[in-house]
Amino acid sequence: MVSPLPFHYNREQISNSYRYNYGGFQKDYAHYGIYLDGIPVGSFQLKRIDPEKQSCEFGIILQHDGYKNRGIGTEAVRIGMAIARNDFRVKTIYGDTMGRNLRMRRVFEKLGFENFETVREAFELPDGTFDDRLVWRKQLEEDSI
C-alpha cells in the first residue's frame, strides 16, 4: 500500500530490507538503492517478477520531497526498466500510484506507460478521505527505454 506520509530514511530499516531480499527469501523481488553523490536518497524495487508471464511490478520511494522534481525518480524508473528487460527478460512492467500523486503520474506518462486501470477509492488516507489507485503498464522493447 502506498503511504501518503513522507518517507524518512532509516539506515537500519533499509539495511534489514536489503539483507532480507538479497538473502534469497523473496526470489521474485529485487531491490536497488538510489544514490545522489554517494548518499542514499531512496530505493526502487522490481516486484513479483514472473518469468513465465515475463512481467513484473515497479516500486520506488525517495527519502523526502527535497529529492523530487530533480529527475532522480525518472532516471530510477528508466534504469529499473532496463534492468527488468535485460537481467530478468521482462517484457511488460507495471506500476501504480495514488491518483493525487501527480509527480509519479508525470513520470509514468513521460516514460510511455499507459494508465490502463483505475480502482476508485482504493486508498484510505489518514484524514478519512479516499484516493484512487491508478495502475500503469509499459511494454519493454529494445528501443523503448
N, C-alpha and C. Protein backbone atom coordinates (compact mmCIF):
# COMPACT_ATOMS: atom_id res chain seq x y z
N MET A 1 0.84 -1.18 0.00
CA MET A 1 0.00 0.00 0.00
C MET A 1 0.88 1.24 0.00
N VAL A 2 0.48 2.21 -0.75
CA VAL A 2 1.22 3.46 -0.82
C VAL A 2 0.83 4.32 0.37
N SER A 3 1.80 4.79 1.09
CA SER A 3 1.54 5.64 2.24
C SER A 3 1.59 7.10 1.83
N PRO A 4 0.64 7.92 2.25
CA PRO A 4 0.68 9.34 1.93
C PRO A 4 1.67 10.10 2.81
N LEU A 5 2.25 9.42 3.79
CA LEU A 5 3.19 10.07 4.70
C LEU A 5 4.57 10.14 4.06
N PRO A 6 5.37 11.16 4.36
CA PRO A 6 6.72 11.23 3.80
C PRO A 6 7.60 10.11 4.33
N PHE A 7 8.49 9.65 3.48
CA PHE A 7 9.43 8.60 3.86
C PHE A 7 10.60 9.23 4.61
N HIS A 8 10.97 8.63 5.72
CA HIS A 8 12.13 9.09 6.48
C HIS A 8 13.17 7.97 6.43
N TYR A 9 14.32 8.28 5.89
CA TYR A 9 15.37 7.28 5.74
C TYR A 9 15.81 6.76 7.10
N ASN A 10 15.84 5.46 7.23
CA ASN A 10 16.28 4.81 8.45
C ASN A 10 17.29 3.74 8.03
N ARG A 11 18.57 4.00 8.29
CA ARG A 11 19.63 3.11 7.82
C ARG A 11 19.39 1.66 8.24
N GLU A 12 19.02 1.43 9.48
CA GLU A 12 18.81 0.06 9.96
C GLU A 12 17.66 -0.61 9.21
N GLN A 13 16.56 0.11 9.03
CA GLN A 13 15.41 -0.46 8.33
C GLN A 13 15.76 -0.81 6.88
N ILE A 14 16.44 0.10 6.18
CA ILE A 14 16.82 -0.17 4.80
C ILE A 14 17.83 -1.32 4.74
N SER A 15 18.80 -1.34 5.65
CA SER A 15 19.78 -2.42 5.66
C SER A 15 19.10 -3.76 5.89
N ASN A 16 18.15 -3.81 6.81
CA ASN A 16 17.41 -5.05 7.05
C ASN A 16 16.64 -5.48 5.81
N SER A 17 16.04 -4.52 5.12
CA SER A 17 15.29 -4.82 3.90
C SER A 17 16.22 -5.41 2.84
N TYR A 18 17.39 -4.79 2.65
CA TYR A 18 18.33 -5.30 1.66
C TYR A 18 18.81 -6.70 2.03
N ARG A 19 19.15 -6.91 3.31
CA ARG A 19 19.61 -8.23 3.75
C ARG A 19 18.52 -9.27 3.49
N TYR A 20 17.28 -8.93 3.78
CA TYR A 20 16.17 -9.86 3.59
C TYR A 20 16.04 -10.24 2.12
N ASN A 21 16.05 -9.25 1.25
CA ASN A 21 15.86 -9.53 -0.17
C ASN A 21 17.08 -10.16 -0.83
N TYR A 22 18.26 -9.70 -0.48
CA TYR A 22 19.45 -10.29 -1.07
C TYR A 22 19.75 -11.65 -0.46
N GLY A 23 19.14 -11.97 0.67
CA GLY A 23 19.33 -13.27 1.29
C GLY A 23 18.56 -14.37 0.60
N GLY A 24 17.78 -14.04 -0.41
CA GLY A 24 17.09 -15.04 -1.19
C GLY A 24 15.74 -15.44 -0.64
N PHE A 25 15.22 -14.73 0.34
CA PHE A 25 13.93 -15.11 0.91
C PHE A 25 12.77 -14.73 0.00
N GLN A 26 12.99 -13.78 -0.88
CA GLN A 26 11.96 -13.41 -1.85
C GLN A 26 12.60 -13.40 -3.22
N LYS A 27 12.60 -14.54 -3.86
CA LYS A 27 13.31 -14.67 -5.13
C LYS A 27 12.67 -13.86 -6.25
N ASP A 28 11.43 -13.43 -6.08
CA ASP A 28 10.78 -12.68 -7.14
C ASP A 28 10.81 -11.17 -6.90
N TYR A 29 11.68 -10.71 -6.01
CA TYR A 29 11.87 -9.28 -5.73
C TYR A 29 13.35 -8.95 -5.91
N ALA A 30 13.61 -7.75 -6.41
CA ALA A 30 14.99 -7.25 -6.49
C ALA A 30 14.97 -5.79 -6.03
N HIS A 31 15.81 -5.45 -5.06
CA HIS A 31 15.87 -4.09 -4.51
C HIS A 31 17.16 -3.42 -4.96
N TYR A 32 17.05 -2.11 -5.22
CA TYR A 32 18.20 -1.32 -5.65
C TYR A 32 18.19 0.02 -4.92
N GLY A 33 19.35 0.46 -4.50
CA GLY A 33 19.47 1.75 -3.84
C GLY A 33 19.55 2.87 -4.87
N ILE A 34 19.05 4.03 -4.50
CA ILE A 34 19.18 5.24 -5.32
C ILE A 34 20.11 6.18 -4.56
N TYR A 35 21.19 6.57 -5.20
CA TYR A 35 22.21 7.40 -4.56
C TYR A 35 22.40 8.70 -5.34
N LEU A 36 22.66 9.75 -4.63
CA LEU A 36 23.00 11.03 -5.22
C LEU A 36 24.30 11.48 -4.57
N ASP A 37 25.34 11.60 -5.36
CA ASP A 37 26.66 11.96 -4.85
C ASP A 37 27.10 11.04 -3.71
N GLY A 38 26.81 9.75 -3.85
CA GLY A 38 27.22 8.76 -2.86
C GLY A 38 26.35 8.66 -1.63
N ILE A 39 25.30 9.45 -1.58
CA ILE A 39 24.40 9.44 -0.42
C ILE A 39 23.10 8.73 -0.81
N PRO A 40 22.63 7.77 0.02
CA PRO A 40 21.38 7.08 -0.31
C PRO A 40 20.19 8.05 -0.17
N VAL A 41 19.40 8.12 -1.23
CA VAL A 41 18.25 9.03 -1.22
C VAL A 41 16.93 8.29 -1.45
N GLY A 42 16.99 6.97 -1.61
CA GLY A 42 15.77 6.20 -1.81
C GLY A 42 16.10 4.81 -2.32
N SER A 43 15.08 4.14 -2.81
CA SER A 43 15.27 2.81 -3.38
C SER A 43 14.17 2.53 -4.39
N PHE A 44 14.45 1.59 -5.28
CA PHE A 44 13.40 1.09 -6.16
C PHE A 44 13.45 -0.42 -6.14
N GLN A 45 12.32 -1.01 -6.48
CA GLN A 45 12.19 -2.46 -6.44
C GLN A 45 11.54 -2.95 -7.72
N LEU A 46 11.98 -4.11 -8.16
CA LEU A 46 11.27 -4.89 -9.17
C LEU A 46 10.58 -5.97 -8.36
N LYS A 47 9.26 -6.00 -8.42
CA LYS A 47 8.48 -6.86 -7.52
C LYS A 47 7.67 -7.86 -8.33
N ARG A 48 7.44 -9.00 -7.70
CA ARG A 48 6.61 -10.05 -8.31
C ARG A 48 7.09 -10.36 -9.73
N ILE A 49 8.41 -10.56 -9.86
CA ILE A 49 9.00 -10.89 -11.16
C ILE A 49 8.48 -12.26 -11.57
N ASP A 50 7.80 -12.34 -12.70
CA ASP A 50 7.19 -13.57 -13.17
C ASP A 50 7.85 -13.98 -14.49
N PRO A 51 8.78 -14.96 -14.45
CA PRO A 51 9.47 -15.37 -15.68
C PRO A 51 8.53 -15.94 -16.74
N GLU A 52 7.48 -16.63 -16.32
CA GLU A 52 6.55 -17.21 -17.29
C GLU A 52 5.77 -16.14 -18.04
N LYS A 53 5.26 -15.16 -17.31
CA LYS A 53 4.49 -14.08 -17.95
C LYS A 53 5.41 -12.97 -18.47
N GLN A 54 6.69 -13.06 -18.12
CA GLN A 54 7.68 -12.05 -18.49
C GLN A 54 7.22 -10.66 -18.07
N SER A 55 6.82 -10.58 -16.78
CA SER A 55 6.31 -9.32 -16.25
C SER A 55 6.81 -9.10 -14.83
N CYS A 56 6.69 -7.86 -14.39
CA CYS A 56 7.00 -7.51 -13.01
C CYS A 56 6.33 -6.18 -12.69
N GLU A 57 6.39 -5.81 -11.41
CA GLU A 57 5.89 -4.52 -10.94
C GLU A 57 7.07 -3.68 -10.52
N PHE A 58 6.92 -2.37 -10.63
CA PHE A 58 7.96 -1.44 -10.24
C PHE A 58 7.48 -0.63 -9.05
N GLY A 59 8.35 -0.47 -8.06
CA GLY A 59 8.04 0.38 -6.91
C GLY A 59 9.22 1.30 -6.63
N ILE A 60 8.94 2.49 -6.17
CA ILE A 60 10.00 3.46 -5.89
C ILE A 60 9.63 4.29 -4.67
N ILE A 61 10.65 4.67 -3.92
CA ILE A 61 10.43 5.58 -2.81
C ILE A 61 11.67 6.46 -2.69
N LEU A 62 11.44 7.76 -2.58
CA LEU A 62 12.53 8.70 -2.35
C LEU A 62 12.44 9.18 -0.91
N GLN A 63 13.59 9.54 -0.36
CA GLN A 63 13.70 9.85 1.06
C GLN A 63 12.76 10.98 1.47
N HIS A 64 12.71 12.07 0.71
CA HIS A 64 11.81 13.18 1.04
C HIS A 64 11.63 14.07 -0.18
N ASP A 65 10.75 15.03 -0.06
CA ASP A 65 10.40 15.88 -1.20
C ASP A 65 11.57 16.66 -1.76
N GLY A 66 12.62 16.86 -0.99
CA GLY A 66 13.79 17.59 -1.47
C GLY A 66 14.49 16.90 -2.63
N TYR A 67 14.23 15.60 -2.81
CA TYR A 67 14.84 14.86 -3.90
C TYR A 67 13.88 14.70 -5.08
N LYS A 68 12.72 15.29 -4.99
CA LYS A 68 11.74 15.19 -6.06
C LYS A 68 11.85 16.40 -6.99
N ASN A 69 11.32 16.26 -8.19
CA ASN A 69 11.38 17.30 -9.22
C ASN A 69 12.80 17.59 -9.66
N ARG A 70 13.67 16.59 -9.58
CA ARG A 70 15.06 16.77 -9.99
C ARG A 70 15.47 15.72 -11.02
N GLY A 71 14.50 14.90 -11.47
CA GLY A 71 14.79 13.87 -12.46
C GLY A 71 15.32 12.58 -11.88
N ILE A 72 15.48 12.52 -10.56
CA ILE A 72 16.03 11.33 -9.92
C ILE A 72 15.08 10.14 -10.07
N GLY A 73 13.81 10.36 -9.80
CA GLY A 73 12.82 9.30 -9.92
C GLY A 73 12.67 8.82 -11.36
N THR A 74 12.64 9.76 -12.30
CA THR A 74 12.53 9.40 -13.71
C THR A 74 13.70 8.53 -14.12
N GLU A 75 14.90 8.92 -13.74
CA GLU A 75 16.09 8.13 -14.10
C GLU A 75 16.06 6.77 -13.42
N ALA A 76 15.59 6.70 -12.18
CA ALA A 76 15.50 5.41 -11.48
C ALA A 76 14.52 4.49 -12.19
N VAL A 77 13.38 5.02 -12.64
CA VAL A 77 12.41 4.18 -13.37
C VAL A 77 13.04 3.72 -14.69
N ARG A 78 13.72 4.62 -15.38
CA ARG A 78 14.37 4.27 -16.65
C ARG A 78 15.40 3.14 -16.42
N ILE A 79 16.21 3.27 -15.38
CA ILE A 79 17.20 2.23 -15.07
C ILE A 79 16.50 0.93 -14.68
N GLY A 80 15.45 1.04 -13.88
CA GLY A 80 14.70 -0.14 -13.48
C GLY A 80 14.10 -0.89 -14.66
N MET A 81 13.59 -0.13 -15.64
CA MET A 81 13.05 -0.77 -16.84
C MET A 81 14.14 -1.53 -17.60
N ALA A 82 15.32 -0.92 -17.71
CA ALA A 82 16.43 -1.57 -18.42
C ALA A 82 16.87 -2.84 -17.68
N ILE A 83 16.96 -2.78 -16.35
CA ILE A 83 17.33 -3.96 -15.58
C ILE A 83 16.27 -5.05 -15.74
N ALA A 84 15.00 -4.67 -15.67
CA ALA A 84 13.92 -5.65 -15.82
C ALA A 84 14.02 -6.35 -17.17
N ARG A 85 14.22 -5.57 -18.22
CA ARG A 85 14.30 -6.13 -19.57
C ARG A 85 15.57 -6.96 -19.76
N ASN A 86 16.71 -6.40 -19.39
CA ASN A 86 17.99 -7.03 -19.70
C ASN A 86 18.37 -8.17 -18.75
N ASP A 87 18.09 -8.01 -17.46
CA ASP A 87 18.51 -9.01 -16.48
C ASP A 87 17.44 -10.06 -16.17
N PHE A 88 16.17 -9.67 -16.30
CA PHE A 88 15.09 -10.58 -15.93
C PHE A 88 14.19 -10.95 -17.11
N ARG A 89 14.52 -10.47 -18.30
CA ARG A 89 13.78 -10.76 -19.53
C ARG A 89 12.30 -10.37 -19.45
N VAL A 90 12.03 -9.30 -18.73
CA VAL A 90 10.66 -8.79 -18.59
C VAL A 90 10.26 -8.07 -19.86
N LYS A 91 9.04 -8.33 -20.30
CA LYS A 91 8.50 -7.64 -21.47
C LYS A 91 7.41 -6.64 -21.11
N THR A 92 6.76 -6.85 -19.95
CA THR A 92 5.72 -5.93 -19.50
C THR A 92 5.99 -5.55 -18.05
N ILE A 93 6.05 -4.25 -17.80
CA ILE A 93 6.29 -3.76 -16.44
C ILE A 93 5.07 -2.95 -16.01
N TYR A 94 4.68 -3.13 -14.76
CA TYR A 94 3.52 -2.46 -14.19
C TYR A 94 3.96 -1.54 -13.06
N GLY A 95 3.21 -0.51 -12.83
CA GLY A 95 3.42 0.36 -11.69
C GLY A 95 2.07 0.92 -11.26
N ASP A 96 1.99 1.38 -10.03
CA ASP A 96 0.75 2.02 -9.60
C ASP A 96 1.07 3.22 -8.72
N THR A 97 0.11 4.07 -8.59
CA THR A 97 0.26 5.26 -7.77
C THR A 97 -1.11 5.75 -7.33
N MET A 98 -1.10 6.57 -6.31
CA MET A 98 -2.34 7.21 -5.88
C MET A 98 -2.71 8.26 -6.93
N GLY A 99 -3.99 8.48 -7.10
CA GLY A 99 -4.45 9.47 -8.06
C GLY A 99 -3.89 10.86 -7.80
N ARG A 100 -3.68 11.20 -6.56
CA ARG A 100 -3.20 12.54 -6.22
C ARG A 100 -1.68 12.70 -6.39
N ASN A 101 -0.98 11.62 -6.70
CA ASN A 101 0.47 11.68 -6.86
C ASN A 101 0.81 12.12 -8.29
N LEU A 102 0.72 13.43 -8.51
CA LEU A 102 0.93 13.98 -9.85
C LEU A 102 2.35 13.77 -10.35
N ARG A 103 3.32 13.80 -9.45
CA ARG A 103 4.71 13.59 -9.87
C ARG A 103 4.89 12.22 -10.50
N MET A 104 4.41 11.19 -9.82
CA MET A 104 4.59 9.83 -10.34
C MET A 104 3.78 9.63 -11.61
N ARG A 105 2.62 10.22 -11.66
CA ARG A 105 1.83 10.13 -12.89
C ARG A 105 2.59 10.72 -14.06
N ARG A 106 3.23 11.88 -13.85
CA ARG A 106 4.01 12.51 -14.92
C ARG A 106 5.20 11.66 -15.33
N VAL A 107 5.85 11.03 -14.36
CA VAL A 107 6.99 10.16 -14.68
C VAL A 107 6.51 9.01 -15.57
N PHE A 108 5.45 8.34 -15.17
CA PHE A 108 4.93 7.23 -15.98
C PHE A 108 4.56 7.71 -17.39
N GLU A 109 3.87 8.83 -17.48
CA GLU A 109 3.48 9.35 -18.79
C GLU A 109 4.70 9.68 -19.63
N LYS A 110 5.68 10.35 -19.04
CA LYS A 110 6.89 10.74 -19.76
C LYS A 110 7.63 9.53 -20.32
N LEU A 111 7.61 8.42 -19.58
CA LEU A 111 8.34 7.23 -20.00
C LEU A 111 7.50 6.27 -20.83
N GLY A 112 6.30 6.69 -21.21
CA GLY A 112 5.49 5.91 -22.14
C GLY A 112 4.61 4.84 -21.53
N PHE A 113 4.38 4.90 -20.23
CA PHE A 113 3.44 3.96 -19.61
C PHE A 113 2.03 4.38 -19.99
N GLU A 114 1.13 3.41 -20.02
CA GLU A 114 -0.28 3.72 -20.23
C GLU A 114 -1.06 3.43 -18.95
N ASN A 115 -1.98 4.32 -18.62
CA ASN A 115 -2.85 4.11 -17.47
C ASN A 115 -4.00 3.23 -17.94
N PHE A 116 -3.98 1.96 -17.54
CA PHE A 116 -4.99 1.04 -18.07
C PHE A 116 -6.03 0.62 -17.05
N GLU A 117 -5.87 1.03 -15.80
CA GLU A 117 -6.89 0.68 -14.80
C GLU A 117 -6.92 1.72 -13.70
N THR A 118 -8.11 2.07 -13.27
CA THR A 118 -8.31 2.96 -12.13
C THR A 118 -9.22 2.25 -11.14
N VAL A 119 -8.72 2.09 -9.93
CA VAL A 119 -9.52 1.47 -8.86
C VAL A 119 -9.98 2.63 -7.97
N ARG A 120 -11.25 2.91 -8.02
CA ARG A 120 -11.81 4.05 -7.29
C ARG A 120 -11.72 3.84 -5.78
N GLU A 121 -11.29 4.90 -5.09
CA GLU A 121 -11.24 4.95 -3.63
C GLU A 121 -10.55 3.73 -3.01
N ALA A 122 -9.42 3.34 -3.60
CA ALA A 122 -8.69 2.16 -3.12
C ALA A 122 -7.86 2.44 -1.88
N PHE A 123 -7.47 3.70 -1.68
CA PHE A 123 -6.62 4.05 -0.55
C PHE A 123 -7.39 4.93 0.43
N GLU A 124 -7.38 4.53 1.71
CA GLU A 124 -7.95 5.40 2.74
C GLU A 124 -6.82 6.22 3.34
N LEU A 125 -7.00 7.52 3.34
CA LEU A 125 -5.99 8.45 3.85
C LEU A 125 -6.20 8.69 5.34
N PRO A 126 -5.18 9.19 6.03
CA PRO A 126 -5.30 9.40 7.47
C PRO A 126 -6.46 10.31 7.88
N ASP A 127 -6.88 11.21 7.00
CA ASP A 127 -7.97 12.12 7.36
C ASP A 127 -9.35 11.52 7.08
N GLY A 128 -9.39 10.23 6.69
CA GLY A 128 -10.66 9.56 6.45
C GLY A 128 -11.17 9.68 5.02
N THR A 129 -10.50 10.46 4.18
CA THR A 129 -10.89 10.55 2.77
C THR A 129 -10.24 9.39 2.01
N PHE A 130 -10.62 9.26 0.76
CA PHE A 130 -10.11 8.17 -0.07
C PHE A 130 -9.48 8.71 -1.34
N ASP A 131 -8.59 7.91 -1.90
CA ASP A 131 -7.96 8.27 -3.17
C ASP A 131 -7.96 7.05 -4.08
N ASP A 132 -7.92 7.32 -5.38
CA ASP A 132 -7.92 6.25 -6.37
C ASP A 132 -6.54 5.63 -6.51
N ARG A 133 -6.52 4.40 -6.96
CA ARG A 133 -5.28 3.70 -7.33
C ARG A 133 -5.24 3.65 -8.85
N LEU A 134 -4.19 4.23 -9.42
CA LEU A 134 -4.00 4.22 -10.87
C LEU A 134 -2.95 3.16 -11.21
N VAL A 135 -3.31 2.25 -12.09
CA VAL A 135 -2.39 1.17 -12.48
C VAL A 135 -1.89 1.46 -13.89
N TRP A 136 -0.58 1.39 -14.04
CA TRP A 136 0.09 1.71 -15.31
C TRP A 136 0.83 0.50 -15.82
N ARG A 137 1.06 0.45 -17.15
CA ARG A 137 1.89 -0.62 -17.72
C ARG A 137 2.64 -0.11 -18.93
N LYS A 138 3.72 -0.81 -19.21
CA LYS A 138 4.54 -0.46 -20.37
C LYS A 138 5.14 -1.74 -20.94
N GLN A 139 5.09 -1.84 -22.26
CA GLN A 139 5.75 -2.93 -22.96
C GLN A 139 7.20 -2.54 -23.15
N LEU A 140 8.11 -3.40 -22.75
CA LEU A 140 9.54 -3.09 -22.83
C LEU A 140 10.12 -3.71 -24.11
N GLU A 141 10.43 -2.85 -25.04
CA GLU A 141 11.04 -3.28 -26.29
C GLU A 141 12.46 -2.76 -26.31
N GLU A 142 13.27 -3.28 -27.18
CA GLU A 142 14.69 -2.91 -27.23
C GLU A 142 14.90 -1.40 -27.30
N ASP A 143 14.09 -0.70 -28.05
CA ASP A 143 14.31 0.75 -28.26
C ASP A 143 13.38 1.62 -27.42
N SER A 144 12.70 1.03 -26.44
CA SER A 144 11.68 1.79 -25.71
C SER A 144 12.19 2.41 -24.42
N ILE A 145 13.46 2.23 -24.12
CA ILE A 145 13.97 2.75 -22.84
C ILE A 145 14.99 3.83 -23.09
